[in-house]
Protein backbone atom coordinates (compact mmCIF):
# COMPACT_ATOMS: atom_id res chain seq x y z
CA MET A 1 22.11 9.95 16.30
CA GLN A 2 21.62 10.25 12.43
CA SER A 3 20.48 6.19 12.39
CA SER A 4 18.41 6.60 15.63
CA SER A 5 16.66 9.19 13.58
CA ALA A 6 16.23 6.89 10.49
CA ALA A 7 14.68 4.57 12.76
CA HIS A 8 12.12 6.81 14.21
CA HIS A 9 11.23 8.14 11.12
CA SER A 10 10.94 4.66 9.54
CA ASP A 11 8.83 3.80 12.72
CA PHE A 12 6.59 6.64 11.98
CA VAL A 13 6.01 5.35 8.41
CA ASP A 14 5.07 2.06 9.68
CA ARG A 15 2.68 3.34 12.03
CA ILE A 16 1.04 5.14 8.99
CA GLU A 17 0.71 2.17 6.82
CA ARG A 18 -0.03 -0.42 9.08
CA THR A 19 -2.59 1.81 11.11
CA GLY A 20 -4.02 2.60 7.43
CA ILE A 21 -4.37 -0.59 6.11
CA ALA A 22 -5.95 -1.69 9.28
CA ILE A 23 -8.65 0.71 9.43
CA ALA A 24 -9.22 0.31 5.47
CA LEU A 25 -9.74 -3.28 6.20
CA GLY A 26 -11.65 -3.13 9.25
CA LEU A 27 -14.24 -0.60 7.59
CA MET A 28 -14.47 -2.79 4.41
CA THR A 29 -15.64 -5.59 6.59
CA ILE A 30 -17.86 -3.87 8.91
CA VAL A 31 -19.88 -1.78 5.80
CA THR A 32 -19.77 -5.02 4.06
CA PHE A 33 -21.31 -7.26 6.61
CA SER A 34 -23.88 -4.29 7.61
CA ASN A 35 -25.02 -4.17 3.87
CA VAL A 36 -25.07 -8.08 4.10
CA VAL A 37 -27.43 -7.65 6.71
CA ALA A 38 -29.35 -5.11 5.64
CA ARG A 39 -30.13 -6.84 2.38
CA TYR A 40 -31.19 -10.24 3.53
CA VAL A 41 -32.44 -9.18 6.81
CA PHE A 42 -34.21 -5.97 6.35
CA ASN A 43 -34.83 -6.45 2.52
CA SER A 44 -33.10 -2.59 2.52
CA ASN A 45 -29.95 -1.42 1.21
CA ILE A 46 -26.90 0.66 2.18
CA LEU A 47 -26.88 3.06 -0.63
CA TRP A 48 -23.20 4.48 0.10
CA ALA A 49 -21.62 1.24 0.85
CA LEU A 50 -20.31 -0.19 -2.70
CA GLU A 51 -18.41 3.45 -3.29
CA THR A 52 -17.24 3.56 0.14
CA THR A 53 -15.69 -0.20 -0.06
CA VAL A 54 -14.34 0.88 -3.78
CA PHE A 55 -12.56 3.51 -1.93
CA LEU A 56 -11.61 1.68 1.00
CA PHE A 57 -10.13 -1.05 -1.38
CA ALA A 58 -7.94 1.65 -3.19
CA TRP A 59 -6.23 2.90 -0.02
CA LEU A 60 -5.84 -0.97 1.27
CA VAL A 61 -4.11 -1.41 -2.20
CA LEU A 62 -1.87 1.60 -2.18
CA LEU A 63 -0.81 1.44 1.36
CA GLY A 64 -0.44 -2.19 0.85
CA ALA A 65 2.04 -1.44 -1.71
CA SER A 66 4.06 0.42 -0.06
CA HIS A 67 4.29 -1.85 3.06
CA CYS A 68 5.01 -4.58 1.27
CA VAL A 69 8.33 -3.01 -0.10
CA LYS A 70 9.21 -2.73 3.46
CA ILE A 71 9.07 -6.22 4.39
CA SER A 72 9.78 -7.54 0.62
CA ALA A 73 6.82 -8.94 -0.11
CA HIS A 74 6.25 -8.41 -3.37
CA ILE A 75 6.43 -10.99 -5.95
CA GLY A 76 9.61 -11.44 -8.34
CA VAL A 77 11.85 -13.52 -9.99
CA ASP A 78 15.55 -13.91 -8.60
CA LEU A 79 16.41 -17.19 -10.75
CA ILE A 80 18.98 -15.17 -12.93
CA GLN A 81 20.53 -12.96 -10.61
CA ASN A 82 21.12 -15.63 -8.32
CA LEU A 83 23.31 -17.06 -10.77
CA LEU A 84 25.32 -13.87 -10.72
CA PRO A 85 28.72 -13.40 -9.01
CA LEU A 86 28.08 -11.07 -6.20
CA GLY A 87 29.36 -7.60 -7.19
CA ILE A 88 27.35 -8.11 -10.36
CA ARG A 89 24.30 -9.08 -8.30
CA LYS A 90 24.37 -6.22 -6.12
CA ALA A 91 24.95 -3.85 -9.18
CA VAL A 92 21.69 -5.86 -11.20
CA ILE A 93 19.91 -5.51 -7.65
CA LEU A 94 20.26 -1.70 -7.30
CA LEU A 95 19.54 -0.86 -11.10
CA SER A 96 16.32 -2.57 -10.67
CA VAL A 97 15.69 -0.19 -7.47
CA VAL A 98 16.99 2.63 -9.47
CA LEU A 99 14.16 1.60 -11.97
CA CYS A 100 11.51 1.09 -9.32
CA VAL A 101 12.53 4.39 -7.92
CA VAL A 102 11.70 6.20 -11.59
CA PHE A 103 8.58 4.38 -11.89
CA SER A 104 7.30 5.23 -8.70
CA VAL A 105 7.81 9.21 -9.30
CA LEU A 106 6.49 9.10 -12.77
CA LEU A 107 3.17 7.47 -10.41
CA LEU A 108 3.25 10.12 -8.28
CA VAL A 109 3.85 13.13 -10.52
CA GLY A 110 0.82 11.37 -12.06
CA ALA A 111 -1.46 11.06 -9.39
CA PHE A 112 -0.77 14.59 -8.18
CA GLN A 113 -1.57 15.90 -11.44
CA TYR A 114 -4.76 14.34 -11.23
CA TRP A 115 -5.60 14.91 -7.38
CA TRP A 116 -4.70 18.29 -7.08
CA PRO A 117 -7.34 20.01 -9.46
CA PHE A 118 -10.05 18.06 -6.84
CA ALA A 119 -8.36 19.89 -4.28
CA THR A 120 -8.55 23.26 -5.77
CA GLN A 121 -10.64 24.12 -8.93
CA ARG A 122 -12.80 21.60 -8.34
CA SER A 123 -13.18 20.91 -4.56
CA TRP A 124 -16.69 21.69 -5.11
CA TYR A 125 -16.62 18.06 -6.79
CA GLU A 126 -18.49 15.53 -4.58
CA VAL A 127 -18.62 11.72 -4.78
CA ASN A 128 -21.82 9.91 -5.84
CA ASP A 129 -23.24 8.59 -2.61
CA ILE A 130 -21.07 8.69 0.68
CA PRO A 131 -22.72 11.56 2.48
CA MET A 132 -20.26 14.11 4.34
CA VAL A 133 -20.97 13.71 8.07
CA PHE A 134 -17.46 14.69 9.67
CA PHE A 135 -17.22 18.39 9.87
CA PRO A 136 -19.13 19.56 6.69
CA ASP A 137 -19.14 23.40 8.04
CA LEU A 138 -15.37 23.61 8.47
CA MET A 139 -14.72 21.80 5.32
CA ALA A 140 -17.19 23.70 3.39
CA GLU A 141 -15.78 27.22 4.85
CA TRP A 142 -11.98 25.59 3.55
CA PHE A 143 -12.81 24.47 0.30
CA ASN A 144 -16.49 25.12 -1.08
CA GLU A 145 -16.34 28.96 -0.39
CA GLY A 146 -19.28 28.44 2.45
CA GLU A 147 -21.67 26.07 0.87
CA GLU A 148 -21.98 23.25 3.01
CA TYR A 149 -21.07 19.61 1.45
CA GLU A 150 -24.04 17.13 1.14
CA LYS A 151 -21.59 14.41 -0.09
CA MET A 152 -18.26 13.67 0.57
CA PRO A 153 -15.67 15.81 -1.62
CA ARG A 154 -13.61 13.48 -4.13
CA PHE A 155 -10.32 15.40 -3.21
CA ILE A 156 -10.62 13.37 0.27
CA PRO A 157 -10.96 9.71 -1.06
CA TYR A 158 -8.69 10.74 -3.97
CA ALA A 159 -5.86 11.73 -1.62
CA ALA A 160 -5.22 7.98 -1.57
CA LEU A 161 -2.96 8.57 -4.81
CA PRO A 162 -0.89 10.81 -3.77
CA ILE A 163 -0.31 9.51 -0.66
CA GLY A 164 0.40 6.31 -1.68
CA MET A 165 2.56 6.82 -4.41
CA VAL A 166 4.72 8.85 -1.95
CA LEU A 167 5.11 6.64 0.44
CA LEU A 168 5.89 3.94 -2.18
CA THR A 169 8.45 6.03 -3.21
CA LEU A 170 9.88 6.62 0.04
CA ARG A 171 9.81 2.90 0.64
CA PHE A 172 11.98 2.16 -2.62
CA LEU A 173 14.76 4.82 -1.53
CA GLN A 174 14.55 3.21 1.73
CA ALA A 175 15.20 -0.40 0.37
CA GLY A 176 18.31 1.00 -2.24
CA TRP A 177 19.74 2.57 0.91
CA HIS A 178 19.73 -0.75 2.99
CA ILE A 179 20.71 -2.60 -0.09
CA LEU A 180 23.75 0.14 -0.76
CA THR A 181 24.82 -0.55 2.93
CA GLU A 182 24.43 -4.54 2.97
CA ARG A 183 21.84 -4.36 5.38
CA ARG A 184 19.41 -6.00 3.32
CA SER A 185 20.23 -8.04 0.36
CA MET A 186 17.61 -8.26 -2.00
CA LEU A 187 14.47 -6.12 -3.09
CA ILE A 188 12.27 -8.79 -2.74
CA ALA A 189 11.89 -12.19 -0.72
CA SER A 190 13.81 -15.04 -2.28
CA HIS A 191 10.16 -16.61 -2.48
CA GLU A 192 11.17 -19.48 -4.99
CA ALA A 193 14.22 -20.53 -3.61
CA ASP A 194 12.56 -20.58 0.24
CA GLU A 195 9.66 -23.06 -1.20
CA MET A 196 12.11 -25.02 -2.51
CA VAL A 197 14.01 -25.36 0.57
CA ALA A 198 10.83 -26.33 2.22
CA GLU A 199 10.20 -29.02 0.05
CA ALA A 200 13.50 -30.36 -0.16
CA SER A 201 13.91 -30.66 3.77
CA GLU A 202 10.19 -32.21 4.01
CA GLU A 203 11.12 -34.67 1.33
CA THR A 204 14.36 -35.24 3.34
CA ARG A 205 12.04 -35.60 6.24
CA ARG A 206 9.82 -38.18 4.77
CA ARG A 207 12.58 -40.35 3.51
CA ASP A 208 13.95 -40.51 7.38
CA GLN A 209 10.20 -41.47 8.73
CA ALA A 210 10.31 -43.88 6.03
CA GLY A 211 14.15 -45.59 6.60
CA GLU A 212 13.38 -45.81 10.39
CA GLY A 213 10.23 -47.62 9.73
């Protein structure tokens, strides 16, 4: 039951990350393409396009960082640890996980400390260009003492910071548990080894073809 519950929670986090990444990338593409068409076809400009793509890119990067931990897509160097005995290698990998968790927790604390004032004392602080088109009355009642927002409040796009760091911390903890229970061998994928094996296989194939010829 516990493993089933953990798998369910992992799938839920997967959906959050994948959906967020897809939405951010899709909206970035649409907004950028629309602005290009407006500029070169209609000799006009979408004023809020640049700021929107910047915020969407921030969401894309922060959600992508945590998802890359899950799928072992982060780049790393594993030359030294592959030379170590198996027991020491596992200890070194777990130490790297601990350091990553500490680093991500520090980032989470800093991200929350930066974002929280924009959600409380400075909730009136708006972005520069993006208009507030979704639930302006409701948001004003909750966060801005009844005064309607003209532009999007900054705490909405800035929420990418604490959300991204929470997901990143959870992914490092999950990776550490998988390594500890031997469901996963490394924090990163052995990219360099895979490339060397692929090159060796390709070289062997070429030699075999040359021998047959």
